[in-house]
Amino acid sequence: MSTFDLWYKRKRPNPVPRKKGLVELSHKALGIIDEIQEIRTRNNKNWMDILRIAFQYAPDETKKKMADITECDAEINKLSRQLAEGEEK
């Protein structure tokens, strides 16, 4: 058994149940996804810290940028909803 397999068993003792007919992800792919999730969690904290600093030192400019970000997020959410509902138009 490889080092990765040992690490993966400790990290994910109850693997995601696999459904027949679906493409199976390898243990390595699932491990990489877990690592990305951990890194994104840390990075999200960094972004929130930057946001706090921005509101503290430049609240008016930050509010304008937040409005722009919210508008872009709304567009992304609309497209995501189309994918989730199977409306790829």
N, C-alpha and C. Protein backbone atom coordinates (compact mmCIF):
# COMPACT_ATOMS: atom_id res chain seq x y z
N MET A 1 0.86 -1.18 0.00
CA MET A 1 0.00 0.00 0.00
C MET A 1 0.90 1.24 0.00
N SER A 2 0.57 2.19 -0.87
CA SER A 2 1.40 3.39 -1.00
C SER A 2 1.19 4.35 0.17
N THR A 3 2.10 5.30 0.28
CA THR A 3 1.98 6.33 1.31
C THR A 3 0.70 7.12 1.12
N PHE A 4 0.38 7.39 -0.15
CA PHE A 4 -0.85 8.14 -0.42
C PHE A 4 -2.07 7.36 0.07
N ASP A 5 -2.11 6.06 -0.21
CA ASP A 5 -3.26 5.25 0.21
C ASP A 5 -3.42 5.28 1.73
N LEU A 6 -2.31 5.20 2.45
CA LEU A 6 -2.37 5.26 3.91
C LEU A 6 -2.88 6.62 4.38
N TRP A 7 -2.35 7.70 3.76
CA TRP A 7 -2.80 9.04 4.11
C TRP A 7 -4.28 9.19 3.81
N TYR A 8 -4.69 8.69 2.66
CA TYR A 8 -6.08 8.86 2.23
C TYR A 8 -7.04 8.12 3.16
N LYS A 9 -6.66 6.93 3.60
CA LYS A 9 -7.53 6.17 4.51
C LYS A 9 -7.70 6.92 5.83
N ARG A 10 -6.62 7.54 6.31
CA ARG A 10 -6.73 8.33 7.55
C ARG A 10 -7.58 9.56 7.32
N LYS A 11 -7.40 10.19 6.18
CA LYS A 11 -8.08 11.44 5.87
C LYS A 11 -9.56 11.23 5.60
N ARG A 12 -9.89 10.16 4.91
CA ARG A 12 -11.26 9.91 4.46
C ARG A 12 -11.62 8.45 4.79
N PRO A 13 -11.89 8.17 6.08
CA PRO A 13 -12.15 6.78 6.45
C PRO A 13 -13.43 6.21 5.83
N ASN A 14 -14.41 7.06 5.57
CA ASN A 14 -15.65 6.61 4.96
C ASN A 14 -15.77 7.25 3.58
N PRO A 15 -15.26 6.57 2.56
CA PRO A 15 -15.29 7.19 1.24
C PRO A 15 -16.70 7.44 0.75
N VAL A 16 -16.81 8.38 -0.17
CA VAL A 16 -18.09 8.71 -0.77
C VAL A 16 -18.63 7.47 -1.46
N PRO A 17 -19.90 7.11 -1.20
CA PRO A 17 -20.44 5.92 -1.88
C PRO A 17 -20.45 6.13 -3.39
N ARG A 18 -20.10 5.11 -4.10
CA ARG A 18 -20.04 5.20 -5.55
C ARG A 18 -21.31 4.60 -6.14
N LYS A 19 -21.86 5.28 -7.11
CA LYS A 19 -23.08 4.82 -7.75
C LYS A 19 -22.72 4.16 -9.08
N LYS A 20 -23.38 3.09 -9.35
CA LYS A 20 -23.14 2.36 -10.59
C LYS A 20 -23.46 3.25 -11.79
N GLY A 21 -22.60 3.22 -12.77
CA GLY A 21 -22.83 3.99 -13.99
C GLY A 21 -22.18 5.36 -13.98
N LEU A 22 -21.72 5.82 -12.83
CA LEU A 22 -21.05 7.12 -12.76
C LEU A 22 -19.55 6.93 -12.91
N VAL A 23 -18.90 7.93 -13.41
CA VAL A 23 -17.44 7.88 -13.51
C VAL A 23 -16.89 7.91 -12.10
N GLU A 24 -16.03 6.97 -11.80
CA GLU A 24 -15.47 6.90 -10.46
C GLU A 24 -14.22 7.78 -10.37
N LEU A 25 -14.15 8.55 -9.31
CA LEU A 25 -12.95 9.35 -9.07
C LEU A 25 -11.94 8.48 -8.33
N SER A 26 -10.71 8.61 -8.69
CA SER A 26 -9.68 7.84 -8.01
C SER A 26 -9.46 8.40 -6.62
N HIS A 27 -8.85 7.59 -5.77
CA HIS A 27 -8.52 8.05 -4.42
C HIS A 27 -7.61 9.28 -4.50
N LYS A 28 -6.70 9.26 -5.47
CA LYS A 28 -5.78 10.40 -5.61
C LYS A 28 -6.55 11.67 -5.97
N ALA A 29 -7.51 11.56 -6.91
CA ALA A 29 -8.30 12.73 -7.30
C ALA A 29 -9.09 13.27 -6.12
N LEU A 30 -9.71 12.38 -5.35
CA LEU A 30 -10.48 12.83 -4.17
C LEU A 30 -9.56 13.48 -3.14
N GLY A 31 -8.35 12.95 -2.98
CA GLY A 31 -7.40 13.54 -2.05
C GLY A 31 -7.00 14.95 -2.49
N ILE A 32 -6.80 15.12 -3.78
CA ILE A 32 -6.45 16.44 -4.31
C ILE A 32 -7.59 17.42 -4.09
N ILE A 33 -8.83 16.97 -4.32
CA ILE A 33 -10.00 17.82 -4.08
C ILE A 33 -10.07 18.24 -2.62
N ASP A 34 -9.79 17.30 -1.70
CA ASP A 34 -9.78 17.63 -0.27
C ASP A 34 -8.72 18.69 0.04
N GLU A 35 -7.54 18.56 -0.58
CA GLU A 35 -6.48 19.54 -0.35
C GLU A 35 -6.89 20.91 -0.86
N ILE A 36 -7.50 20.95 -2.04
CA ILE A 36 -7.97 22.24 -2.59
C ILE A 36 -8.98 22.87 -1.63
N GLN A 37 -9.89 22.07 -1.08
CA GLN A 37 -10.89 22.59 -0.16
C GLN A 37 -10.22 23.21 1.07
N GLU A 38 -9.22 22.54 1.61
CA GLU A 38 -8.51 23.08 2.78
C GLU A 38 -7.82 24.40 2.45
N ILE A 39 -7.17 24.48 1.30
CA ILE A 39 -6.48 25.70 0.89
C ILE A 39 -7.49 26.83 0.67
N ARG A 40 -8.61 26.51 0.01
CA ARG A 40 -9.63 27.54 -0.23
C ARG A 40 -10.20 28.06 1.09
N THR A 41 -10.33 27.21 2.08
CA THR A 41 -10.83 27.65 3.38
C THR A 41 -9.89 28.68 3.98
N ARG A 42 -8.59 28.40 3.94
CA ARG A 42 -7.61 29.37 4.46
C ARG A 42 -7.63 30.66 3.64
N ASN A 43 -7.72 30.51 2.32
CA ASN A 43 -7.69 31.68 1.46
C ASN A 43 -8.94 32.55 1.64
N ASN A 44 -10.09 31.93 1.86
CA ASN A 44 -11.31 32.71 2.12
C ASN A 44 -11.15 33.57 3.37
N LYS A 45 -10.48 33.04 4.37
CA LYS A 45 -10.20 33.82 5.59
C LYS A 45 -9.34 35.03 5.23
N ASN A 46 -8.35 34.84 4.38
CA ASN A 46 -7.49 35.96 3.96
C ASN A 46 -8.31 37.03 3.24
N TRP A 47 -9.20 36.61 2.35
CA TRP A 47 -10.04 37.57 1.62
C TRP A 47 -10.93 38.35 2.58
N MET A 48 -11.47 37.71 3.59
CA MET A 48 -12.33 38.40 4.55
C MET A 48 -11.51 39.41 5.36
N ASP A 49 -10.27 39.06 5.67
CA ASP A 49 -9.40 40.01 6.38
C ASP A 49 -9.13 41.25 5.52
N ILE A 50 -8.88 41.04 4.23
CA ILE A 50 -8.68 42.17 3.32
C ILE A 50 -9.94 43.03 3.25
N LEU A 51 -11.09 42.40 3.21
CA LEU A 51 -12.36 43.13 3.15
C LEU A 51 -12.55 43.99 4.41
N ARG A 52 -12.22 43.44 5.57
CA ARG A 52 -12.33 44.23 6.82
C ARG A 52 -11.43 45.46 6.77
N ILE A 53 -10.21 45.27 6.30
CA ILE A 53 -9.26 46.39 6.20
C ILE A 53 -9.79 47.43 5.21
N ALA A 54 -10.31 46.97 4.08
CA ALA A 54 -10.83 47.90 3.07
C ALA A 54 -11.97 48.73 3.63
N PHE A 55 -12.91 48.09 4.33
CA PHE A 55 -14.03 48.85 4.90
C PHE A 55 -13.56 49.81 5.99
N GLN A 56 -12.51 49.44 6.69
CA GLN A 56 -12.00 50.30 7.75
C GLN A 56 -11.33 51.56 7.19
N TYR A 57 -10.55 51.41 6.11
CA TYR A 57 -9.76 52.52 5.61
C TYR A 57 -10.32 53.23 4.39
N ALA A 58 -11.22 52.59 3.66
CA ALA A 58 -11.82 53.21 2.47
C ALA A 58 -13.24 52.70 2.29
N PRO A 59 -14.12 53.03 3.23
CA PRO A 59 -15.47 52.45 3.21
C PRO A 59 -16.29 52.80 1.97
N ASP A 60 -16.22 54.03 1.50
CA ASP A 60 -17.04 54.42 0.34
C ASP A 60 -16.60 53.68 -0.93
N GLU A 61 -15.28 53.65 -1.16
CA GLU A 61 -14.77 52.94 -2.33
C GLU A 61 -15.05 51.45 -2.24
N THR A 62 -14.94 50.90 -1.05
CA THR A 62 -15.18 49.47 -0.84
C THR A 62 -16.64 49.12 -1.11
N LYS A 63 -17.56 49.98 -0.67
CA LYS A 63 -18.99 49.73 -0.92
C LYS A 63 -19.29 49.68 -2.41
N LYS A 64 -18.66 50.58 -3.18
CA LYS A 64 -18.86 50.59 -4.63
C LYS A 64 -18.35 49.30 -5.26
N LYS A 65 -17.18 48.86 -4.83
CA LYS A 65 -16.62 47.61 -5.37
C LYS A 65 -17.46 46.41 -4.95
N MET A 66 -17.98 46.44 -3.74
CA MET A 66 -18.84 45.33 -3.29
C MET A 66 -20.10 45.26 -4.13
N ALA A 67 -20.64 46.41 -4.53
CA ALA A 67 -21.82 46.43 -5.40
C ALA A 67 -21.48 45.80 -6.75
N ASP A 68 -20.29 46.12 -7.29
CA ASP A 68 -19.87 45.52 -8.56
C ASP A 68 -19.72 44.00 -8.43
N ILE A 69 -19.11 43.57 -7.33
CA ILE A 69 -18.92 42.14 -7.09
C ILE A 69 -20.27 41.44 -6.97
N THR A 70 -21.21 42.06 -6.25
CA THR A 70 -22.54 41.48 -6.08
C THR A 70 -23.25 41.33 -7.42
N GLU A 71 -23.09 42.30 -8.29
CA GLU A 71 -23.70 42.24 -9.62
C GLU A 71 -23.12 41.07 -10.43
N CYS A 72 -21.81 40.92 -10.39
CA CYS A 72 -21.17 39.80 -11.10
C CYS A 72 -21.59 38.46 -10.50
N ASP A 73 -21.69 38.40 -9.18
CA ASP A 73 -22.13 37.17 -8.53
C ASP A 73 -23.54 36.79 -8.96
N ALA A 74 -24.40 37.79 -9.14
CA ALA A 74 -25.77 37.52 -9.57
C ALA A 74 -25.77 36.89 -10.97
N GLU A 75 -24.90 37.38 -11.84
CA GLU A 75 -24.79 36.81 -13.19
C GLU A 75 -24.29 35.36 -13.12
N ILE A 76 -23.30 35.13 -12.29
CA ILE A 76 -22.76 33.78 -12.12
C ILE A 76 -23.83 32.85 -11.56
N ASN A 77 -24.59 33.32 -10.56
CA ASN A 77 -25.65 32.51 -9.96
C ASN A 77 -26.72 32.15 -10.99
N LYS A 78 -27.05 33.08 -11.86
CA LYS A 78 -28.05 32.82 -12.89
C LYS A 78 -27.56 31.72 -13.83
N LEU A 79 -26.32 31.81 -14.25
CA LEU A 79 -25.75 30.79 -15.13
C LEU A 79 -25.64 29.44 -14.41
N SER A 80 -25.26 29.47 -13.15
CA SER A 80 -25.16 28.23 -12.37
C SER A 80 -26.51 27.56 -12.23
N ARG A 81 -27.55 28.36 -12.02
CA ARG A 81 -28.90 27.84 -11.91
C ARG A 81 -29.32 27.15 -13.20
N GLN A 82 -28.96 27.76 -14.34
CA GLN A 82 -29.27 27.16 -15.64
C GLN A 82 -28.61 25.78 -15.77
N LEU A 83 -27.36 25.69 -15.34
CA LEU A 83 -26.67 24.38 -15.40
C LEU A 83 -27.33 23.38 -14.48
N ALA A 84 -27.65 23.82 -13.26
CA ALA A 84 -28.23 22.91 -12.27
C ALA A 84 -29.60 22.41 -12.70
N GLU A 85 -30.33 23.25 -13.41
CA GLU A 85 -31.68 22.88 -13.84
C GLU A 85 -31.69 22.26 -15.23
N GLY A 86 -30.52 22.15 -15.85
CA GLY A 86 -30.41 21.51 -17.15
C GLY A 86 -30.91 22.39 -18.29
N GLU A 87 -30.77 23.68 -18.13
CA GLU A 87 -31.22 24.62 -19.16
C GLU A 87 -30.02 25.25 -19.86
N GLU A 88 -29.16 24.43 -20.45
CA GLU A 88 -27.96 24.93 -21.11
C GLU A 88 -28.33 25.62 -22.41
N LYS A 89 -28.73 26.88 -22.33
CA LYS A 89 -29.14 27.63 -23.52
C LYS A 89 -28.16 28.73 -23.80
